[in-house]
């Protein structure tokens, strides 16, 4: 007798019972057989979601002091609809995991630049699966700050006056992340007549007052 071979490769959507009816004819004799194929589930690993460039949750740009928040369930899928558990594998210190599902953080001026964050998902049956996120923190230009109060010396009339602003007089956060950032200076005289203002000048590049 000839063997009848049936081949198939069921997928997740094919789990369940399937009924087949096989007919054979030999010398005008018709023979029918009924088969039942039961497809059982095998627990599949979670999968990383692949994003297109228009809505890529793995490539993020945000400004310093801007709140970043991401539901990790949006980065993975699971064919078995298991409740996944998530972990923050690695990342900068300003990123934290909360409620075992959400990562969030607020980058400061010191965090301007590109950061790599690795997170994982597990169905508690198979090895965890990782996703890698790239977060680019953009700089916002901050205004300079007064580091130390300026105390001008007392002088006698007709004596040449000169006062040099030191690097500790003002501080600009942006110099930490942008080497091209440079302060310029201006002299504002208050509660004084225009005549008194004329005797003082400042070098806008060095801050020297004379």
Protein backbone atom coordinates (compact mmCIF):
# COMPACT_ATOMS: atom_id res chain seq x y z
CA UNK A 1 0.00 0.00 0.00
CA UNK A 2 1.06 3.52 -0.67
CA UNK A 3 1.72 5.73 2.33
CA UNK A 4 -0.13 8.98 2.74
CA UNK A 5 2.05 11.73 4.15
CA UNK A 6 0.56 14.93 5.53
CA UNK A 7 2.93 17.79 6.43
CA UNK A 8 2.13 21.02 8.20
CA UNK A 9 3.78 23.66 10.35
CA UNK A 10 1.14 25.19 12.62
CA UNK A 11 1.60 28.66 14.06
CA UNK A 12 0.30 30.35 17.18
CA UNK A 13 -3.05 31.12 15.58
CA UNK A 14 -3.53 27.43 14.73
CA UNK A 15 -3.57 26.19 18.34
CA UNK A 16 -6.56 23.94 18.91
CA UNK A 17 -8.25 20.90 17.29
CA UNK A 18 -8.49 20.49 13.52
CA UNK A 19 -10.65 17.87 11.77
CA UNK A 20 -9.60 16.26 8.49
CA UNK A 21 -11.49 13.90 6.23
CA UNK A 22 -9.37 11.76 3.89
CA UNK A 23 -10.86 9.91 0.98
CA UNK A 24 -9.19 7.15 -1.04
CA UNK A 25 -10.49 5.14 -3.96
CA UNK A 26 -9.17 1.71 -4.98
CA UNK A 27 -10.82 -0.53 -7.57
CA UNK A 28 -13.97 1.51 -7.36
CA UNK A 29 -14.00 1.13 -3.58
CA UNK A 30 -14.30 4.44 -1.71
CA UNK A 31 -12.69 4.63 1.68
CA UNK A 32 -13.01 7.57 4.04
CA UNK A 33 -11.00 8.26 7.16
CA UNK A 34 -11.44 11.00 9.73
CA UNK A 35 -8.43 12.49 11.48
CA UNK A 36 -8.20 14.88 14.38
CA UNK A 37 -5.02 16.95 14.75
CA UNK A 38 -4.52 18.69 18.08
CA UNK A 39 -2.09 21.61 17.98
CA UNK A 40 -0.75 22.34 21.44
CA UNK A 41 0.75 25.58 22.61
CA UNK A 42 4.47 26.05 23.18
CA UNK A 43 5.37 29.13 25.18
CA UNK A 44 7.10 31.61 22.88
CA UNK A 45 9.64 34.17 23.98
CA UNK A 46 8.64 37.84 24.02
CA UNK A 47 9.66 39.77 20.93
CA UNK A 48 11.08 43.24 20.43
CA UNK A 49 8.72 45.53 18.58
CA UNK A 50 10.30 46.98 15.45
CA UNK A 51 9.43 50.63 14.91
CA UNK A 52 9.42 52.71 11.76
CA UNK A 53 11.24 56.01 11.57
CA UNK A 54 8.06 58.08 11.96
CA UNK A 55 7.22 56.67 15.39
CA UNK A 56 10.40 55.24 16.80
CA UNK A 57 10.13 54.82 20.57
CA UNK A 58 13.71 53.58 20.65
CA UNK A 59 15.24 56.79 19.30
CA UNK A 60 14.28 59.73 21.49
CA UNK A 61 15.18 63.40 21.48
CA UNK A 62 14.26 65.69 24.35
CA UNK A 63 15.51 68.89 25.93
CA UNK A 64 17.19 69.18 29.30
CA UNK A 65 14.67 69.58 32.16
CA UNK A 66 12.04 67.86 29.97
CA UNK A 67 10.21 64.89 31.50
CA UNK A 68 10.85 61.54 29.83
CA UNK A 69 8.34 58.73 30.41
CA UNK A 70 7.96 55.35 28.69
CA UNK A 71 5.70 52.35 29.25
CA UNK A 72 7.93 49.34 28.59
CA UNK A 73 4.91 47.26 27.57
CA UNK A 74 4.85 49.34 24.38
CA UNK A 75 8.31 48.07 23.41
CA UNK A 76 7.61 44.30 23.46
CA UNK A 77 4.99 41.82 22.27
CA UNK A 78 4.14 38.30 23.39
CA UNK A 79 2.18 35.81 21.30
CA UNK A 80 1.06 33.92 24.40
CA UNK A 81 -0.40 37.08 25.97
CA UNK A 82 1.55 36.41 29.15
CA UNK A 83 1.97 39.10 31.75
CA UNK A 84 5.50 40.26 31.06
CA UNK A 85 7.91 41.42 33.72
CA UNK A 86 10.35 44.21 32.90
CA UNK A 87 13.78 45.26 34.07
CA UNK A 88 16.03 48.27 33.61
CA UNK A 89 19.26 46.52 32.63
CA UNK A 90 21.47 49.61 32.26
CA UNK A 91 21.19 53.34 31.73
CA UNK A 92 22.19 56.74 33.08
CA UNK A 93 21.52 57.58 36.71
CA UNK A 94 18.67 59.97 35.91
CA UNK A 95 16.58 57.12 34.44
CA UNK A 96 14.64 55.02 36.96
CA UNK A 97 12.16 52.13 36.81
CA UNK A 98 8.84 52.47 38.64
CA UNK A 99 5.98 50.04 39.22
CA UNK A 100 8.11 47.37 37.49
CA UNK A 101 6.94 48.70 34.13
CA UNK A 102 7.68 52.38 33.52
CA UNK A 103 10.97 54.19 33.01
CA UNK A 104 11.19 57.92 33.53
CA UNK A 105 13.56 60.75 34.32
CA UNK A 106 14.34 64.44 33.96
CA UNK A 107 17.80 65.17 32.52
CA UNK A 108 19.64 68.25 33.73
CA UNK A 109 22.22 70.40 32.00
CA UNK A 110 24.91 67.91 33.06
CA UNK A 111 23.14 65.15 31.11
CA UNK A 112 23.19 66.94 27.74
CA UNK A 113 24.36 64.41 25.16
CA UNK A 114 23.52 60.88 24.01
CA UNK A 115 22.58 58.13 26.46
CA UNK A 116 22.00 54.40 25.93
CA UNK A 117 19.30 52.62 27.91
CA UNK A 118 18.84 48.82 27.85
CA UNK A 119 15.61 47.28 29.12
CA UNK A 120 14.39 43.68 29.12
CA UNK A 121 11.13 41.77 29.10
CA UNK A 122 10.51 38.26 30.43
CA UNK A 123 7.51 35.93 30.35
CA UNK A 124 9.05 33.93 33.23
CA UNK A 125 9.34 30.88 30.96
CA UNK A 126 12.00 31.87 28.44
CA UNK A 127 15.22 33.91 28.70
CA UNK A 128 14.65 37.71 28.87
CA UNK A 129 14.70 39.72 25.65
CA UNK A 130 16.44 43.11 25.49
CA UNK A 131 15.58 46.37 23.77
CA UNK A 132 18.09 49.22 23.40
CA UNK A 133 16.95 52.84 23.49
CA UNK A 134 18.99 55.88 22.50
CA UNK A 135 18.09 59.14 24.23
CA UNK A 136 19.62 62.36 22.92
CA UNK A 137 19.32 65.18 25.46
CA UNK A 138 19.45 68.57 23.77
CA UNK A 139 20.85 71.66 25.43
CA UNK A 140 18.78 74.68 26.44
CA UNK A 141 20.84 77.83 26.74
CA UNK A 142 20.86 78.83 30.40
CA UNK A 143 21.49 82.36 31.59
CA UNK A 144 24.75 83.01 33.48
CA UNK A 145 24.68 83.00 37.26
CA UNK A 146 26.49 85.17 39.76
CA UNK A 147 28.93 82.91 41.56
CA UNK A 148 30.24 85.49 44.02
CA UNK A 149 29.03 88.94 44.93
CA UNK A 150 31.13 91.67 43.38
CA UNK A 151 32.61 94.05 45.92
CA UNK A 152 34.27 97.00 44.24
CA UNK A 153 37.10 98.67 46.14
CA UNK A 154 36.96 102.23 47.43
CA UNK A 155 39.36 104.63 45.73
CA UNK A 156 40.45 108.22 46.07
CA UNK A 157 39.59 110.78 43.47
CA UNK A 158 42.03 111.23 40.60
CA UNK A 159 43.33 107.68 41.20
CA UNK A 160 43.19 105.25 38.29
CA UNK A 161 40.60 102.54 38.91
CA UNK A 162 40.80 99.03 37.52
CA UNK A 163 38.88 95.92 38.55
CA UNK A 164 39.20 92.52 36.92
CA UNK A 165 36.34 90.03 36.97
CA UNK A 166 37.70 86.57 37.76
CA UNK A 167 36.43 83.29 36.35
CA UNK A 168 34.70 82.76 39.68
CA UNK A 169 32.60 85.90 39.39
CA UNK A 170 30.05 84.43 36.95
CA UNK A 171 29.21 80.87 35.94
CA UNK A 172 27.48 79.62 32.82
CA UNK A 173 26.23 76.00 32.81
CA UNK A 174 26.43 75.83 29.04
CA UNK A 175 30.23 76.04 29.12
CA UNK A 176 30.17 72.51 30.55
CA UNK A 177 28.52 71.07 27.44
CA UNK A 178 29.46 73.55 24.71
CA UNK A 179 33.14 74.49 24.35
CA UNK A 180 32.17 77.38 22.06
CA UNK A 181 30.03 79.04 24.74
CA UNK A 182 31.62 82.31 25.84
CA UNK A 183 30.45 85.07 28.14
CA UNK A 184 30.46 88.73 27.17
CA UNK A 185 30.15 91.57 29.64
CA UNK A 186 28.32 94.87 29.84
CA UNK A 187 28.37 97.59 32.46
CA UNK A 188 25.08 98.83 33.85
CA UNK A 189 25.30 101.74 36.26
CA UNK A 190 22.22 102.40 38.40
CA UNK A 191 21.39 105.29 40.68
CA UNK A 192 24.02 107.42 39.06
CA UNK A 193 24.13 110.35 36.73
CA UNK A 194 25.22 110.04 33.14
CA UNK A 195 28.28 112.06 34.01
CA UNK A 196 29.46 109.45 36.50
CA UNK A 197 28.71 106.70 34.06
CA UNK A 198 31.16 108.17 31.57
CA UNK A 199 34.14 107.55 33.83
CA UNK A 200 33.65 103.77 33.86
CA UNK A 201 34.04 101.32 31.01
CA UNK A 202 34.21 97.54 30.68
CA UNK A 203 35.90 95.22 28.22
CA UNK A 204 33.07 93.05 26.91
CA UNK A 205 35.36 90.08 26.33
CA UNK A 206 37.49 90.06 29.50
CA UNK A 207 35.19 91.85 31.96
CA UNK A 208 37.91 94.29 33.00
CA UNK A 209 36.38 97.42 34.55
CA UNK A 210 38.33 100.64 34.40
